[in-house]
Amino acid sequence: MNIPGIDTCISLMDEYGMLPNIRRHSVLVARIAELISSRLSNNIGINQAPDHALCINGALLHDIAKTPCLEKGCDHAATGGKICQQHGYPEIAEIVAGHVILQDFSPERYQQGHFLAQEIVYYADKRVRHDSIVSLAERLEYIIENYGKNDTRTQGLINENFSKCRQLEGDLFSYLNFSPELLLQNVEQAGECSSLAALFQEAPKEAQSKSYT
């Protein structure tokens, strides 16, 4: 695998003009992905758990195309995947392209303790609204309100996606040593030991009106 380092991810954020609020969101998603992948490695073994660096850096770059797509109206997941592919990171590209809708949903695989890096990043993203850790129910409410477009079909697809996410959450946390409700507490406790500690300092709070998923 060709996985960029954290410094390279930050350089790419700068290159694609990532807004401060989206950067804070991405760092928090990465902190969650780091925690979950680390705990999985401890509990099910490093050979079975998804690659730690892939989870972290895939999370950092999951919204790499969000800022340009806010202006151009493009699909930020698909566009972000192409950006990562162009930079020579095919494994990261797969994570970025699949972070909005759960790909390869497989309860049978989850119950055997097999989770993909893409699924860790997808779940971590669904637990962050702006730059705060929230429950899946709170995140769903936000997405329905902002992206449901008062359209029954769109809302149905969003609800279906979150139904799968709840299944993933249940299976994922059966291999962790804390509950989904204690995610924030565990992320905070792991803070000083995080490889992302240098990124914790809050960026300027501007451009808050920009939206993202």
Protein backbone atom coordinates (compact mmCIF):
# COMPACT_ATOMS: atom_id res chain seq x y z
CA MET A 1 0.00 0.00 0.00
CA ASN A 2 1.05 3.57 -0.66
CA ILE A 3 -0.18 5.58 2.33
CA PRO A 4 0.66 9.29 2.71
CA GLY A 5 2.03 10.50 6.02
CA ILE A 6 0.18 12.99 8.20
CA ASP A 7 2.39 15.84 6.95
CA THR A 8 1.53 14.95 3.36
CA CYS A 9 -2.18 14.91 4.22
CA ILE A 10 -1.88 18.40 5.70
CA SER A 11 -0.06 19.58 2.57
CA LEU A 12 -2.89 18.21 0.42
CA MET A 13 -5.46 19.95 2.63
CA ASP A 14 -3.58 23.20 1.96
CA GLU A 15 -3.25 22.48 -1.75
CA TYR A 16 -7.01 21.97 -2.16
CA GLY A 17 -7.91 24.96 0.01
CA MET A 18 -9.66 23.02 2.78
CA LEU A 19 -11.68 25.46 4.87
CA PRO A 20 -10.84 25.66 8.60
CA ASN A 21 -14.17 24.18 9.71
CA ILE A 22 -13.80 21.23 7.34
CA ARG A 23 -10.23 20.73 8.54
CA ARG A 24 -11.40 20.58 12.17
CA HIS A 25 -14.10 18.10 11.15
CA SER A 26 -11.55 15.94 9.32
CA VAL A 27 -9.08 15.91 12.21
CA LEU A 28 -11.80 14.82 14.64
CA VAL A 29 -12.95 12.06 12.27
CA ALA A 30 -9.31 10.96 12.08
CA ARG A 31 -9.02 10.91 15.88
CA ILE A 32 -12.03 8.59 16.07
CA ALA A 33 -10.68 6.36 13.30
CA GLU A 34 -7.31 6.25 15.08
CA LEU A 35 -8.92 5.23 18.38
CA ILE A 36 -11.16 2.55 16.89
CA SER A 37 -8.46 1.00 14.71
CA SER A 38 -6.04 0.98 17.65
CA ARG A 39 -8.53 -0.70 19.99
CA LEU A 40 -9.43 -3.24 17.30
CA SER A 41 -5.76 -4.10 16.90
CA ASN A 42 -5.50 -4.65 20.65
CA ASN A 43 -8.66 -6.76 20.87
CA ILE A 44 -8.70 -8.85 17.69
CA GLY A 45 -5.03 -8.74 16.68
CA ILE A 46 -3.05 -6.51 14.37
CA ASN A 47 -3.18 -9.05 11.53
CA GLN A 48 -7.00 -9.02 11.45
CA ALA A 49 -7.61 -5.34 12.19
CA PRO A 50 -7.59 -2.79 9.36
CA ASP A 51 -4.32 -0.96 8.76
CA HIS A 52 -3.90 1.75 11.40
CA ALA A 53 -2.19 4.35 9.17
CA LEU A 54 -4.69 3.75 6.38
CA CYS A 55 -7.59 4.50 8.74
CA ILE A 56 -6.00 7.68 10.09
CA ASN A 57 -4.87 9.17 6.80
CA GLY A 58 -7.98 8.08 4.93
CA ALA A 59 -9.98 9.95 7.56
CA LEU A 60 -7.81 13.05 7.27
CA LEU A 61 -8.41 13.16 3.52
CA HIS A 62 -12.03 11.99 3.38
CA ASP A 63 -13.26 15.54 2.66
CA ILE A 64 -10.30 16.63 0.53
CA ALA A 65 -12.62 17.71 -2.30
CA LYS A 66 -15.31 19.29 -0.13
CA THR A 67 -14.18 22.89 -0.51
CA PRO A 68 -13.86 22.89 -4.32
CA CYS A 69 -17.13 20.96 -4.62
CA LEU A 70 -18.96 23.53 -2.50
CA GLU A 71 -18.14 26.01 -5.26
CA LYS A 72 -18.56 23.71 -8.27
CA GLY A 73 -21.48 21.58 -7.06
CA CYS A 74 -19.65 18.30 -7.69
CA ASP A 75 -19.82 15.01 -5.78
CA HIS A 76 -17.13 15.54 -3.15
CA ALA A 77 -16.70 11.84 -2.40
CA ALA A 78 -16.19 10.81 -6.04
CA THR A 79 -14.07 13.87 -6.80
CA GLY A 80 -11.97 13.32 -3.68
CA GLY A 81 -11.38 9.73 -4.72
CA LYS A 82 -10.09 10.91 -8.10
CA ILE A 83 -7.80 13.45 -6.43
CA CYS A 84 -6.24 10.79 -4.21
CA GLN A 85 -5.90 8.43 -7.17
CA GLN A 86 -4.12 11.13 -9.15
CA HIS A 87 -1.68 11.64 -6.29
CA GLY A 88 -0.85 7.93 -6.26
CA TYR A 89 -2.88 6.78 -3.26
CA PRO A 90 -5.36 4.17 -4.59
CA GLU A 91 -6.19 2.70 -1.15
CA ILE A 92 -6.92 6.17 0.24
CA ALA A 93 -8.94 6.94 -2.89
CA GLU A 94 -11.22 3.97 -2.20
CA ILE A 95 -11.86 5.20 1.35
CA VAL A 96 -12.56 8.76 0.23
CA ALA A 97 -14.89 7.71 -2.58
CA GLY A 98 -16.88 5.45 -0.23
CA HIS A 99 -17.19 7.56 2.91
CA VAL A 100 -20.73 8.90 2.33
CA ILE A 101 -22.61 5.67 1.59
CA LEU A 102 -21.59 2.38 3.21
CA GLN A 103 -20.00 0.09 0.63
CA ASP A 104 -19.77 -3.73 0.80
CA PHE A 105 -22.16 -3.97 3.76
CA SER A 106 -21.55 -7.40 5.31
CA PRO A 107 -22.98 -8.27 8.76
CA GLU A 108 -21.59 -11.78 8.37
CA ARG A 109 -18.06 -10.42 7.97
CA TYR A 110 -18.51 -7.95 10.84
CA GLN A 111 -19.63 -10.71 13.19
CA GLN A 112 -16.36 -12.52 12.45
CA GLY A 113 -14.42 -9.42 13.45
CA HIS A 114 -13.39 -8.37 9.95
CA PHE A 115 -13.73 -4.64 9.29
CA LEU A 116 -12.30 -2.59 6.44
CA ALA A 117 -10.49 0.75 6.85
CA GLN A 118 -13.17 2.27 4.64
CA GLU A 119 -15.84 1.17 7.12
CA ILE A 120 -13.94 2.63 10.08
CA VAL A 121 -13.67 6.01 8.34
CA TYR A 122 -17.30 5.86 7.18
CA TYR A 123 -18.47 5.21 10.75
CA ALA A 124 -16.17 7.84 12.27
CA ASP A 125 -17.53 10.44 9.84
CA LYS A 126 -21.10 9.57 10.80
CA ARG A 127 -20.27 10.29 14.45
CA VAL A 128 -19.08 13.87 13.79
CA ARG A 129 -21.39 16.81 13.12
CA HIS A 130 -19.25 19.79 12.18
CA ASP A 131 -16.50 19.47 14.83
CA SER A 132 -18.43 17.71 17.59
CA ILE A 133 -18.92 14.04 18.37
CA VAL A 134 -22.64 13.19 18.30
CA SER A 135 -24.78 10.07 18.27
CA LEU A 136 -25.90 8.45 15.03
CA ALA A 137 -29.44 9.65 15.77
CA GLU A 138 -28.25 13.27 16.04
CA ARG A 139 -26.19 12.97 12.86
CA LEU A 140 -29.12 11.45 10.99
CA GLU A 141 -31.40 14.27 12.09
CA TYR A 142 -28.88 16.82 10.80
CA ILE A 143 -28.46 15.09 7.43
CA ILE A 144 -32.21 14.67 6.92
CA GLU A 145 -32.74 18.34 7.70
CA ASN A 146 -29.94 19.59 5.44
CA TYR A 147 -29.91 17.04 2.63
CA GLY A 148 -33.34 15.39 2.69
CA LYS A 149 -34.69 18.14 0.43
CA ASN A 150 -38.22 17.38 1.66
CA ASP A 151 -38.06 14.45 -0.74
CA THR A 152 -39.46 11.15 0.51
CA ARG A 153 -37.22 9.04 -1.72
CA THR A 154 -34.04 10.86 -0.68
CA GLN A 155 -34.99 10.62 2.96
CA GLY A 156 -35.66 6.92 2.54
CA LEU A 157 -32.19 6.35 1.07
CA ILE A 158 -30.59 8.31 3.91
CA ASN A 159 -32.49 6.29 6.50
CA GLU A 160 -31.51 3.03 4.77
CA ASN A 161 -27.86 4.05 4.85
CA PHE A 162 -28.05 4.87 8.57
CA SER A 163 -29.83 1.60 9.28
CA LYS A 164 -26.77 -0.19 7.93
CA CYS A 165 -24.55 2.14 9.93
CA ARG A 166 -26.35 1.18 13.14
CA GLN A 167 -25.73 -2.50 12.33
CA LEU A 168 -22.07 -1.72 11.71
CA GLU A 169 -21.89 0.19 14.99
CA GLY A 170 -23.34 -2.70 16.98
CA ASP A 171 -20.97 -5.24 15.47
CA LEU A 172 -17.96 -2.94 15.67
CA PHE A 173 -18.41 -2.10 19.34
CA SER A 174 -18.86 -5.75 20.24
CA TYR A 175 -15.09 -5.94 19.63
CA LEU A 176 -14.24 -2.77 21.56
CA ASN A 177 -13.97 -2.25 25.30
CA PHE A 178 -16.35 0.70 25.53
CA SER A 179 -19.83 1.60 24.29
CA PRO A 180 -20.77 4.03 21.49
CA GLU A 181 -22.07 6.42 24.14
CA LEU A 182 -18.55 6.70 25.61
CA LEU A 183 -16.83 7.52 22.31
CA LEU A 184 -16.21 11.19 23.18
CA GLN A 185 -14.78 10.32 26.59
CA ASN A 186 -12.41 7.75 25.08
CA VAL A 187 -11.26 10.08 22.29
CA GLU A 188 -10.47 12.76 24.86
CA GLN A 189 -8.60 10.31 27.10
CA ALA A 190 -6.50 9.10 24.17
CA GLY A 191 -5.67 12.65 23.12
CA GLU A 192 -2.15 13.04 24.51
CA CYS A 193 -1.06 9.71 23.05
CA SER A 194 -2.52 10.43 19.62
CA SER A 195 -0.32 10.71 16.55
CA LEU A 196 -2.57 13.65 15.66
CA ALA A 197 -1.84 15.59 18.86
CA ALA A 198 -0.09 18.37 16.94
CA LEU A 199 -3.29 18.98 14.96
CA PHE A 200 -5.55 19.38 18.00
CA GLN A 201 -5.04 23.14 18.16
CA GLU A 202 -8.21 24.68 16.86
CA ALA A 203 -8.10 26.46 13.52
CA PRO A 204 -9.70 29.92 13.19
CA LYS A 205 -13.47 29.65 13.35
CA GLU A 206 -14.44 31.14 10.04
CA ALA A 207 -16.54 30.11 7.07
CA GLN A 208 -18.91 28.32 9.44
CA SER A 209 -21.78 28.70 6.98
CA LYS A 210 -20.17 26.20 4.62
CA SER A 211 -21.92 22.86 4.88
CA TYR A 212 -20.61 19.34 4.40
CA THR A 213 -21.42 15.69 4.99
